[in-house]
Amino acid sequence: MPTTAVDADWWQRFDDPLLAQLVQRALAANTDVRIARARLRAARASSAQAEAALWPGVGAYGSATRSSAGGQEASSSYGLGFDASWEIDLFGGLRRGVEAADADAQASAATLAATQVSLAAEVARDYVQLRAYRLRISITQANLDNQSQTLQLAEWRAQAGLVGQLDVEQARSNREQTRAQLPALQDAASQTANALAVLLNVAPGALAPELAAAATPGIPSAAAQPLEGVPADLLRRRPDIIAAERSLAAATARIGVAEAARYPSLSLAGTLGLQGAALTALTGGGAATRFVAASVAAPIFDAGRLRQQVEIRTAEQEQALAGYEAALYGALRDVENARASLANGRTRGEALALAVQAARNAALLANFRYRSGLVDFQTVLDTERSVRTLEDSQASSQADTVIAMIQLFKALGGGWSVDPPAVSGSPP
C-alpha cells in the first residue's frame, strides 16, 4: 500500500519562486516564530534543569578565621574541602518532574512547528489574494477599455442621427461604474501587500517594488490533488495535536509529582575536607574531616494542602485532556471544511468558465447587431455588465479555490505526499 508523509515545503508545489522566497523570509524573521523559538529554548533548559535534580550536588568550600580573647595571642584556623547533597527519589516525584519538563519541551517544539505552518499558510493566502486583486484590476481595466469603445460607438451613432443622446449617457454611465471599481481593488491590493510585509517583519510598503516587479497578474495553482481519504497518521502528526497531546502528558506527570510530595523524602549529605592552623597545613597533612548524614522528612499535618495540590493537578490534567480532544476534532473539521471548499470551488470554477465564455460571445454578437441596428443599446449594456461581473467572479473563484487548497495543506499540518506502490520484482 502507498505510504504517506508530511510535505514540509508544500508551498514549493505552487512552482512560484517569489512565493517560496516570501515564505522562507517570513519563517526566518516573523516575530511570532521568534517568540516560539525562544519559548522552546526556555522549555528545553527547564527540562535539563529538572533532569539535573536527579543527580547529587557537589560544591567546594574554603574558610579562614582569626580570633583572640582576653589579651591572649590570636589564633588562626583554615579549612578546605568538598560537600555533597543528594535527595533520593524514593517515590518517583523527581522522575515524574523530568517527564513533565520533557513533555513541556516537546509541546513547545510542536507549537513552534504549528506556528510555522500557520505562518506559511498566511503568507501563501495573502500572496494569492494579492495576485487575485491584480488579476481583477487587469480584468476591470480591459472591460473599461471595451466600454470606452462602446461609448465612442454610441457617440458616433448619435452624431450620425441614428440614435439619441440616451444611448451615449447610458454608455458613459456603464463605463464610469466600471472605473469606480478600480480604486477599491487597488486599495485592497495595497492593504494585502502591507499585510505580507508585516508577516515578513518589514515596514509596510517595503515589499511594494519587489511585488510589483515579480508578481504578474494571474493566480498560481498547485500541482497537487487531495487524497481520497485523509490518513489518520497525518492528523496525528499535525503540530497543534502533538502539542495538545504533549501538554496532556505533562499534566499527567505533574499529578505524580504532587502525589510524591505527600510521602516521606530521604536526603543524604556529606563533607570531606582538611582543617589546620596554617595554610601550609592544608597541603602538608592537616587534620582530615569527614561528615555523612541522612535525613528523612515526612509531612504530618498540612491542613490538606498537599491533597489539594493533587486535586489541582488532576483538574489541570482533565483540562488538558479536553484540550486534546478539542484539537483533534477541530483538525478533523478543518480538513473536511477545506476538502469541501476545494471540491465546491472547482465545480463553481468550471461553471463560471463556461458562463464567461458564453457572456463574451453574447457581448460580441450584441455589439455586432447593435452596429447593424438589429437590437437596442440596452442589450449591449446588459451583455457588457454580464461580462464584467462574470470575469470578476471567475477571478475571485480561482483565488478562493487556491486558498482552499492552502487551507487543506494547513489542516493536514503542512501537506501530503504519496509514495507510489512498489512494482513486483523491482529493486527496493
Foldseek 3Di string as FASTA:
>chain_A
DWDKDFDQQQVCLLVAVVLSVLLVLLCVAFPVLVVLVVVLVVLVVQLVVLVCLQDKDKDWDKDKDWDDPDPDDIFIKIKIWMKIKHWHCPQCLSVLQSLLSVLQSQLSVLVSLLVSLVLSLLLLLLLLVLLLLQQLLVLLVVLLVVLVVVLVVVVVCCVVVNDHCVLNVVSVVLSVVSVVVNVVSVVSSLVSQQVSCNSSVHHRPPCVVVCVVRRHRDGGAGPDDDDPDDDPVLLCPASNLSSLVSNLSSLVSVLSNLVSLQAKIKMKMKMWMFMDRDPVCRVVPGDIDIDIDMDIDHDDDDPCPSVVSSVVSVVSSVVSVVVSVCSSVVLVVLQVVLVVQLVVLVVVLVVLVVQLVVLVVQLVVVVVVVVVVNDDSVSNSVSSVSNSVSVSVNSVSVSSNRSSVSSNCSSSNHHMDIDDDDDPPDDD
